[in-house]
C-alpha atoms as a PDB file:
ATOM      1  CA  UNK A   1      23.280 -22.724  -9.584  1.00  0.00           C
ATOM      2  CA  UNK A   2      25.813 -19.952  -8.934  1.00  0.00           C
ATOM      3  CA  UNK A   3      24.310 -17.879 -11.749  1.00  0.00           C
ATOM      4  CA  UNK A   4      20.788 -18.383 -10.374  1.00  0.00           C
ATOM      5  CA  UNK A   5      21.911 -17.392  -6.896  1.00  0.00           C
ATOM      6  CA  UNK A   6      23.534 -14.280  -8.324  1.00  0.00           C
ATOM      7  CA  UNK A   7      20.356 -13.323 -10.195  1.00  0.00           C
ATOM      8  CA  UNK A   8      18.296 -13.866  -7.066  1.00  0.00           C
ATOM      9  CA  UNK A   9      20.645 -11.811  -4.890  1.00  0.00           C
ATOM     10  CA  UNK A  10      20.826  -8.941  -7.370  1.00  0.00           C
ATOM     11  CA  UNK A  11      17.050  -8.878  -7.818  1.00  0.00           C
ATOM     12  CA  UNK A  12      16.500  -8.899  -4.069  1.00  0.00           C
ATOM     13  CA  UNK A  13      18.959  -6.027  -3.618  1.00  0.00           C
ATOM     14  CA  UNK A  14      17.338  -3.964  -6.367  1.00  0.00           C
ATOM     15  CA  UNK A  15      13.840  -4.488  -4.958  1.00  0.00           C
ATOM     16  CA  UNK A  16      14.952  -3.725  -1.428  1.00  0.00           C
ATOM     17  CA  UNK A  17      16.722  -0.512  -2.437  1.00  0.00           C
ATOM     18  CA  UNK A  18      13.650   0.739  -4.322  1.00  0.00           C
ATOM     19  CA  UNK A  19      11.200  -0.056  -1.550  1.00  0.00           C
ATOM     20  CA  UNK A  20      13.297   0.600   1.558  1.00  0.00           C
ATOM     21  CA  UNK A  21      15.564   3.402   0.338  1.00  0.00           C
ATOM     22  CA  UNK A  22      19.338   3.815   0.621  1.00  0.00           C
ATOM     23  CA  UNK A  23      19.320   3.438   4.422  1.00  0.00           C
ATOM     24  CA  UNK A  24      16.924   0.497   4.331  1.00  0.00           C
ATOM     25  CA  UNK A  25      19.349  -2.051   5.768  1.00  0.00           C
ATOM     26  CA  UNK A  26      19.774  -0.044   8.958  1.00  0.00           C
ATOM     27  CA  UNK A  27      16.015   0.282   9.416  1.00  0.00           C
ATOM     28  CA  UNK A  28      15.467  -3.389   8.541  1.00  0.00           C
ATOM     29  CA  UNK A  29      17.871  -4.536  11.228  1.00  0.00           C
ATOM     30  CA  UNK A  30      16.237  -2.360  13.864  1.00  0.00           C
ATOM     31  CA  UNK A  31      12.689  -3.348  12.866  1.00  0.00           C
ATOM     32  CA  UNK A  32      13.259  -7.082  12.732  1.00  0.00           C
ATOM     33  CA  UNK A  33      16.132  -7.723  15.121  1.00  0.00           C
ATOM     34  CA  UNK A  34      15.660  -5.334  18.025  1.00  0.00           C
ATOM     35  CA  UNK A  35      14.628  -7.428  20.983  1.00  0.00           C
ATOM     36  CA  UNK A  36      11.461  -6.615  22.869  1.00  0.00           C
ATOM     37  CA  UNK A  37       7.646  -6.613  22.636  1.00  0.00           C
ATOM     38  CA  UNK A  38       5.690  -6.095  19.422  1.00  0.00           C
ATOM     39  CA  UNK A  39       2.098  -5.040  18.890  1.00  0.00           C
ATOM     40  CA  UNK A  40       1.287  -8.287  17.077  1.00  0.00           C
ATOM     41  CA  UNK A  41       2.091 -11.965  17.466  1.00  0.00           C
ATOM     42  CA  UNK A  42       4.479 -13.680  15.010  1.00  0.00           C
ATOM     43  CA  UNK A  43       2.728 -15.177  11.968  1.00  0.00           C
ATOM     44  CA  UNK A  44      -0.528 -13.451  12.850  1.00  0.00           C
ATOM     45  CA  UNK A  45      -2.655 -12.328   9.876  1.00  0.00           C
ATOM     46  CA  UNK A  46      -1.226  -8.803   9.737  1.00  0.00           C
ATOM     47  CA  UNK A  47       2.315 -10.161   9.586  1.00  0.00           C
ATOM     48  CA  UNK A  48       1.372 -12.655   6.888  1.00  0.00           C
ATOM     49  CA  UNK A  49      -0.278 -10.017   4.722  1.00  0.00           C
ATOM     50  CA  UNK A  50       2.254  -7.228   5.192  1.00  0.00           C
ATOM     51  CA  UNK A  51       5.205  -9.552   4.758  1.00  0.00           C
ATOM     52  CA  UNK A  52       4.051 -11.053   1.450  1.00  0.00           C
ATOM     53  CA  UNK A  53       5.041 -10.082  -2.092  1.00  0.00           C
ATOM     54  CA  UNK A  54       1.386  -9.386  -2.892  1.00  0.00           C
ATOM     55  CA  UNK A  55       1.910  -6.049  -1.126  1.00  0.00           C
ATOM     56  CA  UNK A  56       3.527  -4.752  -4.318  1.00  0.00           C
ATOM     57  CA  UNK A  57       0.189  -5.170  -6.096  1.00  0.00           C
ATOM     58  CA  UNK A  58      -1.852  -4.069  -3.095  1.00  0.00           C
ATOM     59  CA  UNK A  59       0.170  -0.891  -2.684  1.00  0.00           C
ATOM     60  CA  UNK A  60      -0.465   0.220  -6.258  1.00  0.00           C
ATOM     61  CA  UNK A  61      -4.174  -0.585  -5.949  1.00  0.00           C
ATOM     62  CA  UNK A  62      -4.341   1.392  -2.699  1.00  0.00           C
ATOM     63  CA  UNK A  63      -2.912   4.499  -4.361  1.00  0.00           C
ATOM     64  CA  UNK A  64      -5.374   4.206  -7.240  1.00  0.00           C
ATOM     65  CA  UNK A  65      -8.365   3.750  -4.946  1.00  0.00           C
ATOM     66  CA  UNK A  66      -7.348   6.454  -2.472  1.00  0.00           C
ATOM     67  CA  UNK A  67      -7.059   8.999  -5.285  1.00  0.00           C
ATOM     68  CA  UNK A  68     -10.851   8.976  -5.713  1.00  0.00           C
ATOM     69  CA  UNK A  69     -11.484  11.063  -2.609  1.00  0.00           C
ATOM     70  CA  UNK A  70     -11.131  14.711  -3.705  1.00  0.00           C
ATOM     71  CA  UNK A  71      -9.966  16.072  -0.341  1.00  0.00           C
ATOM     72  CA  UNK A  72      -7.506  13.246   0.286  1.00  0.00           C
ATOM     73  CA  UNK A  73      -6.105  13.625  -3.230  1.00  0.00           C
ATOM     74  CA  UNK A  74      -5.884  17.399  -2.861  1.00  0.00           C
ATOM     75  CA  UNK A  75      -3.721  16.915   0.205  1.00  0.00           C
ATOM     76  CA  UNK A  76      -1.455  14.486  -1.633  1.00  0.00           C
ATOM     77  CA  UNK A  77      -1.191  16.807  -4.628  1.00  0.00           C
ATOM     78  CA  UNK A  78      -0.336  19.883  -2.577  1.00  0.00           C
ATOM     79  CA  UNK A  79       1.846  18.354   0.124  1.00  0.00           C
ATOM     80  CA  UNK A  80       3.312  15.094  -1.183  1.00  0.00           C
ATOM     81  CA  UNK A  81       6.576  14.848  -3.080  1.00  0.00           C
ATOM     82  CA  UNK A  82       5.416  12.010  -5.312  1.00  0.00           C
ATOM     83  CA  UNK A  83       6.196  13.913  -8.544  1.00  0.00           C
ATOM     84  CA  UNK A  84       9.833  14.532  -7.689  1.00  0.00           C
ATOM     85  CA  UNK A  85      10.535  11.871  -5.067  1.00  0.00           C
ATOM     86  CA  UNK A  86       8.279   8.905  -5.753  1.00  0.00           C
ATOM     87  CA  UNK A  87      10.752   6.376  -4.355  1.00  0.00           C
ATOM     88  CA  UNK A  88      11.440   8.415  -1.237  1.00  0.00           C
ATOM     89  CA  UNK A  89       7.717   8.552  -0.505  1.00  0.00           C
ATOM     90  CA  UNK A  90       7.428   4.811  -1.138  1.00  0.00           C
ATOM     91  CA  UNK A  91      10.320   4.114   1.240  1.00  0.00           C
ATOM     92  CA  UNK A  92       8.743   6.209   3.997  1.00  0.00           C
ATOM     93  CA  UNK A  93       5.367   4.540   3.569  1.00  0.00           C
ATOM     94  CA  UNK A  94       6.787   1.018   3.479  1.00  0.00           C
ATOM     95  CA  UNK A  95       8.924   1.775   6.527  1.00  0.00           C
ATOM     96  CA  UNK A  96       5.853   2.922   8.473  1.00  0.00           C
ATOM     97  CA  UNK A  97       3.965  -0.248   7.560  1.00  0.00           C
ATOM     98  CA  UNK A  98       6.975  -2.396   8.468  1.00  0.00           C
ATOM     99  CA  UNK A  99       7.707  -0.791  11.814  1.00  0.00           C
ATOM    100  CA  UNK A 100       4.082  -0.760  12.969  1.00  0.00           C
ATOM    101  CA  UNK A 101       3.620  -4.384  11.886  1.00  0.00           C
ATOM    102  CA  UNK A 102       6.940  -5.979  12.836  1.00  0.00           C
ATOM    103  CA  UNK A 103       8.811  -3.444  14.962  1.00  0.00           C
ATOM    104  CA  UNK A 104       9.390  -2.932  18.662  1.00  0.00           C
ATOM    105  CA  UNK A 105       6.467  -1.197  20.372  1.00  0.00           C
ATOM    106  CA  UNK A 106       8.592   1.866  21.154  1.00  0.00           C
ATOM    107  CA  UNK A 107       9.574   2.263  17.504  1.00  0.00           C
ATOM    108  CA  UNK A 108       5.981   1.680  16.371  1.00  0.00           C
ATOM    109  CA  UNK A 109       4.686   4.320  18.776  1.00  0.00           C
ATOM    110  CA  UNK A 110       7.365   6.771  17.618  1.00  0.00           C
ATOM    111  CA  UNK A 111       6.421   6.155  13.964  1.00  0.00           C
ATOM    112  CA  UNK A 112       2.752   6.867  14.682  1.00  0.00           C
ATOM    113  CA  UNK A 113       3.630  10.020  16.625  1.00  0.00           C
ATOM    114  CA  UNK A 114       5.775  11.257  13.723  1.00  0.00           C
ATOM    115  CA  UNK A 115       2.986  10.730  11.188  1.00  0.00           C
ATOM    116  CA  UNK A 116       0.513  12.547  13.431  1.00  0.00           C
ATOM    117  CA  UNK A 117       2.890  15.512  13.698  1.00  0.00           C
ATOM    118  CA  UNK A 118       3.298  15.599   9.917  1.00  0.00           C
ATOM    119  CA  UNK A 119      -0.470  15.489   9.435  1.00  0.00           C
ATOM    120  CA  UNK A 120      -0.829  18.645  11.553  1.00  0.00           C
ATOM    121  CA  UNK A 121       0.917  20.597   8.786  1.00  0.00           C
ATOM    122  CA  UNK A 122      -1.043  19.081   5.883  1.00  0.00           C
ATOM    123  CA  UNK A 123      -3.976  21.396   5.313  1.00  0.00           C
ATOM    124  CA  UNK A 124      -5.403  23.687   2.676  1.00  0.00           C
ATOM    125  CA  UNK A 125      -8.523  24.489   0.736  1.00  0.00           C
ATOM    126  CA  UNK A 126     -10.572  22.782  -1.933  1.00  0.00           C
ATOM    127  CA  UNK A 127     -11.336  24.686  -5.182  1.00  0.00           C
ATOM    128  CA  UNK A 128     -14.633  25.869  -3.676  1.00  0.00           C
ATOM    129  CA  UNK A 129     -12.885  27.195  -0.567  1.00  0.00           C
ATOM    130  CA  UNK A 130     -13.826  24.325   1.730  1.00  0.00           C
ATOM    131  CA  UNK A 131     -10.920  23.647   4.110  1.00  0.00           C
ATOM    132  CA  UNK A 132      -9.309  20.244   4.469  1.00  0.00           C
ATOM    133  CA  UNK A 133      -6.805  18.850   6.940  1.00  0.00           C
ATOM    134  CA  UNK A 134      -4.982  15.540   7.144  1.00  0.00           C
ATOM    135  CA  UNK A 135      -5.968  15.272  10.808  1.00  0.00           C
ATOM    136  CA  UNK A 136      -9.646  14.929   9.829  1.00  0.00           C
ATOM    137  CA  UNK A 137     -10.741  11.512  11.173  1.00  0.00           C
ATOM    138  CA  UNK A 138     -13.100  11.129   8.215  1.00  0.00           C
ATOM    139  CA  UNK A 139     -10.309  11.513   5.654  1.00  0.00           C
ATOM    140  CA  UNK A 140      -8.007   9.311   7.718  1.00  0.00           C
ATOM    141  CA  UNK A 141     -10.739   6.681   7.716  1.00  0.00           C
ATOM    142  CA  UNK A 142     -10.945   6.675   3.924  1.00  0.00           C
ATOM    143  CA  UNK A 143      -7.184   6.408   3.466  1.00  0.00           C
ATOM    144  CA  UNK A 144      -7.004   3.578   5.988  1.00  0.00           C
ATOM    145  CA  UNK A 145      -9.944   1.593   4.609  1.00  0.00           C
ATOM    146  CA  UNK A 146      -8.853   1.926   0.971  1.00  0.00           C
ATOM    147  CA  UNK A 147      -5.368   0.781   1.925  1.00  0.00           C
ATOM    148  CA  UNK A 148      -6.437  -2.210   4.010  1.00  0.00           C
ATOM    149  CA  UNK A 149      -9.022  -3.327   1.456  1.00  0.00           C
ATOM    150  CA  UNK A 150      -6.334  -3.201  -1.223  1.00  0.00           C
ATOM    151  CA  UNK A 151      -3.759  -5.130   0.795  1.00  0.00           C
ATOM    152  CA  UNK A 152      -6.322  -7.780   1.694  1.00  0.00           C
ATOM    153  CA  UNK A 153      -7.701  -8.069  -1.849  1.00  0.00           C
ATOM    154  CA  UNK A 154      -4.214  -8.444  -3.306  1.00  0.00           C
ATOM    155  CA  UNK A 155      -3.250 -10.997  -0.683  1.00  0.00           C
ATOM    156  CA  UNK A 156      -6.313 -13.126  -1.317  1.00  0.00           C
ATOM    157  CA  UNK A 157      -5.501 -13.114  -5.038  1.00  0.00           C
ATOM    158  CA  UNK A 158      -1.704 -13.292  -5.109  1.00  0.00           C
ATOM    159  CA  UNK A 159      -0.624 -14.131  -1.553  1.00  0.00           C
ATOM    160  CA  UNK A 160       1.297 -17.287  -0.742  1.00  0.00           C
ATOM    161  CA  UNK A 161      -1.144 -18.240   2.009  1.00  0.00           C
ATOM    162  CA  UNK A 162      -4.564 -16.609   1.574  1.00  0.00           C
ATOM    163  CA  UNK A 163      -6.493 -16.030   4.793  1.00  0.00           C
ATOM    164  CA  UNK A 164      -9.688 -17.814   5.749  1.00  0.00           C
ATOM    165  CA  UNK A 165     -12.696 -15.798   6.926  1.00  0.00           C
ATOM    166  CA  UNK A 166     -11.744 -15.760  10.581  1.00  0.00           C
ATOM    167  CA  UNK A 167      -8.192 -14.694   9.725  1.00  0.00           C
ATOM    168  CA  UNK A 168      -9.455 -11.930   7.441  1.00  0.00           C
ATOM    169  CA  UNK A 169     -11.541 -10.548  10.290  1.00  0.00           C
ATOM    170  CA  UNK A 170      -8.515 -10.689  12.587  1.00  0.00           C
ATOM    171  CA  UNK A 171      -6.447  -8.854   9.969  1.00  0.00           C
ATOM    172  CA  UNK A 172      -8.968  -6.021   9.726  1.00  0.00           C
ATOM    173  CA  UNK A 173      -9.158  -5.814  13.534  1.00  0.00           C
ATOM    174  CA  UNK A 174      -5.364  -5.724  13.859  1.00  0.00           C
ATOM    175  CA  UNK A 175      -5.014  -2.912  11.335  1.00  0.00           C
ATOM    176  CA  UNK A 176      -7.754  -1.045  13.200  1.00  0.00           C
ATOM    177  CA  UNK A 177      -5.444  -0.855  16.211  1.00  0.00           C
ATOM    178  CA  UNK A 178      -2.967   1.180  14.153  1.00  0.00           C
ATOM    179  CA  UNK A 179      -5.735   3.255  12.581  1.00  0.00           C
ATOM    180  CA  UNK A 180      -7.062   4.314  15.987  1.00  0.00           C
ATOM    181  CA  UNK A 181      -3.615   5.487  17.020  1.00  0.00           C
ATOM    182  CA  UNK A 182      -3.438   7.580  13.848  1.00  0.00           C
ATOM    183  CA  UNK A 183      -6.751   9.259  14.642  1.00  0.00           C
ATOM    184  CA  UNK A 184      -9.400   7.180  12.849  1.00  0.00           C
ATOM    185  CA  UNK A 185     -12.628   7.036  14.811  1.00  0.00           C
ATOM    186  CA  UNK A 186     -14.303   3.620  15.009  1.00  0.00           C
ATOM    187  CA  UNK A 187     -12.375   1.907  12.187  1.00  0.00           C
ATOM    188  CA  UNK A 188     -13.824  -1.346  10.837  1.00  0.00           C
ATOM    189  CA  UNK A 189     -12.864  -4.491  12.734  1.00  0.00           C
ATOM    190  CA  UNK A 190     -14.252  -7.220  10.439  1.00  0.00           C
ATOM    191  CA  UNK A 191     -14.209  -7.768   6.692  1.00  0.00           C
ATOM    192  CA  UNK A 192     -17.935  -7.079   6.459  1.00  0.00           C
ATOM    193  CA  UNK A 193     -17.557  -3.847   8.416  1.00  0.00           C
ATOM    194  CA  UNK A 194     -14.752  -2.888   6.029  1.00  0.00           C
ATOM    195  CA  UNK A 195     -17.074  -3.351   3.030  1.00  0.00           C
ATOM    196  CA  UNK A 196     -19.764  -1.231   4.663  1.00  0.00           C
ATOM    197  CA  UNK A 197     -17.233   1.394   5.724  1.00  0.00           C
ATOM    198  CA  UNK A 198     -15.966   1.785   2.154  1.00  0.00           C
ATOM    199  CA  UNK A 199     -19.470   1.840   0.697  1.00  0.00           C
ATOM    200  CA  UNK A 200     -20.399   4.771   2.926  1.00  0.00           C
ATOM    201  CA  UNK A 201     -17.810   6.920   1.133  1.00  0.00           C
ATOM    202  CA  UNK A 202     -19.157   6.240  -2.362  1.00  0.00           C
ATOM    203  CA  UNK A 203     -21.227   9.458  -2.615  1.00  0.00           C
ATOM    204  CA  UNK A 204     -18.081  11.518  -1.925  1.00  0.00           C
ATOM    205  CA  UNK A 205     -15.833   9.856  -4.491  1.00  0.00           C
ATOM    206  CA  UNK A 206     -14.973  11.170  -7.924  1.00  0.00           C
ATOM    207  CA  UNK A 207     -11.975  11.580 -10.202  1.00  0.00           C
ATOM    208  CA  UNK A 208     -10.576  15.106  -9.935  1.00  0.00           C
ATOM    209  CA  UNK A 209      -7.846  16.525 -12.204  1.00  0.00           C
ATOM    210  CA  UNK A 210      -5.390  15.864  -9.357  1.00  0.00           C
ATOM    211  CA  UNK A 211      -6.469  12.219  -9.227  1.00  0.00           C
ATOM    212  CA  UNK A 212      -6.131  11.741 -12.977  1.00  0.00           C
ATOM    213  CA  UNK A 213      -2.697  13.365 -12.912  1.00  0.00           C
ATOM    214  CA  UNK A 214      -1.538  11.082 -10.100  1.00  0.00           C
ATOM    215  CA  UNK A 215      -2.915   7.977 -11.807  1.00  0.00           C
ATOM    216  CA  UNK A 216      -1.247   8.939 -15.067  1.00  0.00           C
ATOM    217  CA  UNK A 217       2.038   9.456 -13.264  1.00  0.00           C
ATOM    218  CA  UNK A 218       1.745   6.147 -11.427  1.00  0.00           C
ATOM    219  CA  UNK A 219       0.802   4.164 -14.525  1.00  0.00           C
ATOM    220  CA  UNK A 220       2.793   5.818 -17.275  1.00  0.00           C
ATOM    221  CA  UNK A 221       5.595   7.936 -15.782  1.00  0.00           C
ATOM    222  CA  UNK A 222       7.303   5.926 -13.045  1.00  0.00           C
ATOM    223  CA  UNK A 223      10.970   6.924 -12.567  1.00  0.00           C
ATOM    224  CA  UNK A 224      12.326   3.548 -13.618  1.00  0.00           C
ATOM    225  CA  UNK A 225      15.039   2.329 -15.976  1.00  0.00           C
ATOM    226  CA  UNK A 226      13.815   0.808 -19.230  1.00  0.00           C
ATOM    227  CA  UNK A 227      14.546  -2.755 -18.074  1.00  0.00           C
ATOM    228  CA  UNK A 228      12.248  -2.375 -15.057  1.00  0.00           C
ATOM    229  CA  UNK A 229       9.256  -0.951 -16.902  1.00  0.00           C
ATOM    230  CA  UNK A 230       7.907  -4.279 -18.165  1.00  0.00           C
ATOM    231  CA  UNK A 231       7.784  -6.007 -14.750  1.00  0.00           C
ATOM    232  CA  UNK A 232       6.409  -2.816 -13.221  1.00  0.00           C
ATOM    233  CA  UNK A 233       3.750  -2.775 -15.929  1.00  0.00           C
ATOM    234  CA  UNK A 234       2.753  -6.304 -14.959  1.00  0.00           C
ATOM    235  CA  UNK A 235       2.287  -5.232 -11.331  1.00  0.00           C
ATOM    236  CA  UNK A 236       0.256  -2.215 -12.454  1.00  0.00           C
ATOM    237  CA  UNK A 237      -1.937  -4.406 -14.668  1.00  0.00           C
ATOM    238  CA  UNK A 238      -2.471  -6.793 -11.747  1.00  0.00           C
ATOM    239  CA  UNK A 239      -3.442  -3.876  -9.486  1.00  0.00           C
ATOM    240  CA  UNK A 240      -5.812  -2.388 -12.069  1.00  0.00           C
ATOM    241  CA  UNK A 241      -7.349  -5.840 -12.515  1.00  0.00           C
ATOM    242  CA  UNK A 242      -8.312  -5.813  -8.831  1.00  0.00           C
ATOM    243  CA  UNK A 243      -9.965  -2.381  -8.914  1.00  0.00           C
ATOM    244  CA  UNK A 244     -13.767  -2.290  -8.541  1.00  0.00           C
ATOM    245  CA  UNK A 245     -15.535  -1.929 -11.853  1.00  0.00           C
ATOM    246  CA  UNK A 246     -17.159   1.381 -10.879  1.00  0.00           C
ATOM    247  CA  UNK A 247     -13.728   3.012 -10.519  1.00  0.00           C
ATOM    248  CA  UNK A 248     -12.568   2.299 -14.073  1.00  0.00           C
ATOM    249  CA  UNK A 249     -14.308   5.055 -16.038  1.00  0.00           C
ATOM    250  CA  UNK A 250     -13.630   7.928 -13.606  1.00  0.00           C
ATOM    251  CA  UNK A 251      -9.927   7.045 -13.420  1.00  0.00           C
ATOM    252  CA  UNK A 252      -9.724   6.156 -17.138  1.00  0.00           C
ATOM    253  CA  UNK A 253      -8.627   2.625 -16.343  1.00  0.00           C
ATOM    254  CA  UNK A 254      -9.184  -0.193 -18.830  1.00  0.00           C
ATOM    255  CA  UNK A 255     -11.899  -2.799 -18.288  1.00  0.00           C
ATOM    256  CA  UNK A 256     -10.890  -6.106 -19.870  1.00  0.00           C
ATOM    257  CA  UNK A 257     -12.600  -8.783 -17.745  1.00  0.00           C
ATOM    258  CA  UNK A 258     -11.541 -11.836 -19.773  1.00  0.00           C
ATOM    259  CA  UNK A 259      -7.894 -10.767 -20.036  1.00  0.00           C
ATOM    260  CA  UNK A 260      -7.822  -9.790 -16.372  1.00  0.00           C
ATOM    261  CA  UNK A 261      -9.068 -13.209 -15.293  1.00  0.00           C
ATOM    262  CA  UNK A 262      -6.590 -15.062 -17.510  1.00  0.00           C
ATOM    263  CA  UNK A 263      -3.488 -13.339 -18.880  1.00  0.00           C
ATOM    264  CA  UNK A 264      -3.198 -10.603 -16.258  1.00  0.00           C
ATOM    265  CA  UNK A 265      -3.878 -13.001 -13.389  1.00  0.00           C
ATOM    266  CA  UNK A 266      -1.234 -15.425 -14.682  1.00  0.00           C
ATOM    267  CA  UNK A 267       1.374 -12.707 -15.202  1.00  0.00           C
ATOM    268  CA  UNK A 268       0.568 -11.160 -11.829  1.00  0.00           C
ATOM    269  CA  UNK A 269       1.056 -14.527 -10.166  1.00  0.00           C
ATOM    270  CA  UNK A 270       4.365 -14.960 -11.950  1.00  0.00           C
ATOM    271  CA  UNK A 271       5.549 -11.492 -10.958  1.00  0.00           C
ATOM    272  CA  UNK A 272       4.625 -11.816  -7.288  1.00  0.00           C
ATOM    273  CA  UNK A 273       6.043 -15.334  -7.204  1.00  0.00           C
ATOM    274  CA  UNK A 274       9.332 -14.054  -8.568  1.00  0.00           C
ATOM    275  CA  UNK A 275       9.418 -11.224  -6.032  1.00  0.00           C
ATOM    276  CA  UNK A 276       8.631 -13.689  -3.241  1.00  0.00           C
ATOM    277  CA  UNK A 277      11.467 -15.940  -4.434  1.00  0.00           C
ATOM    278  CA  UNK A 278      13.877 -13.003  -4.475  1.00  0.00           C
ATOM    279  CA  UNK A 279      12.729 -11.712  -1.078  1.00  0.00           C
ATOM    280  CA  UNK A 280      13.541 -15.091   0.442  1.00  0.00           C
ATOM    281  CA  UNK A 281      17.218 -14.617  -0.432  1.00  0.00           C
ATOM    282  CA  UNK A 282      19.513 -14.144   2.602  1.00  0.00           C
ATOM    283  CA  UNK A 283      19.716 -10.495   3.657  1.00  0.00           C
ATOM    284  CA  UNK A 284      22.881  -8.681   2.671  1.00  0.00           C
END
């Protein structure tokens, strides 16, 4: 029992450090233990989804799906530090999701304001000279919808407590509250609206060289020690297995329907179950 507890504690610490960063404990305490009002009720759908281990799969899927918008990917390629600071970017993203989902309203509002200020400096030109900016509500809408669809899809597949239809609609509506504050105009508020919202972007989507580079980096060049590459590969396989079929060829992703429904699904369930078990360990 002592050995098992030690393994669980060490795994939890390693996961937390990767996702939350070196100062994660300080942020965790403020997010979860500062007294005062929150944007969302305890155990509401957004808290269930964003607090579950399935987010590890959903996050990878979101990055893969988001890469298909040329302008959004151009902004990431030119302004993001994912090549040299993948874990720092992950920590900042996970912290934003955590504070806007679980944090005090003042901290959530400050996090949104910070992101909006950063977006003001993310701009440039496409290869044909067309300008882009991260403050564009249309681009913000794509990033938001691809992210929320990925989190919800992963949760329904690997989450501890999948949501029923009414709860899924509430989840989409709750995330829309954050999206509006970030500058998205008329974000979807039901699961059906989310499907339609994503479908409207299809004519704009394609795999650019920047997208293929980012996908290759995410899938094959993660800055991880050798021992962590196998479990990471399982999470990647689970995320790829949840990608729409039409995205596979442009992003050069495999399409193995039988394996994805059996072996990958089983391994993905094992991986997320193990992460969930570790995450339930007492905080250090």
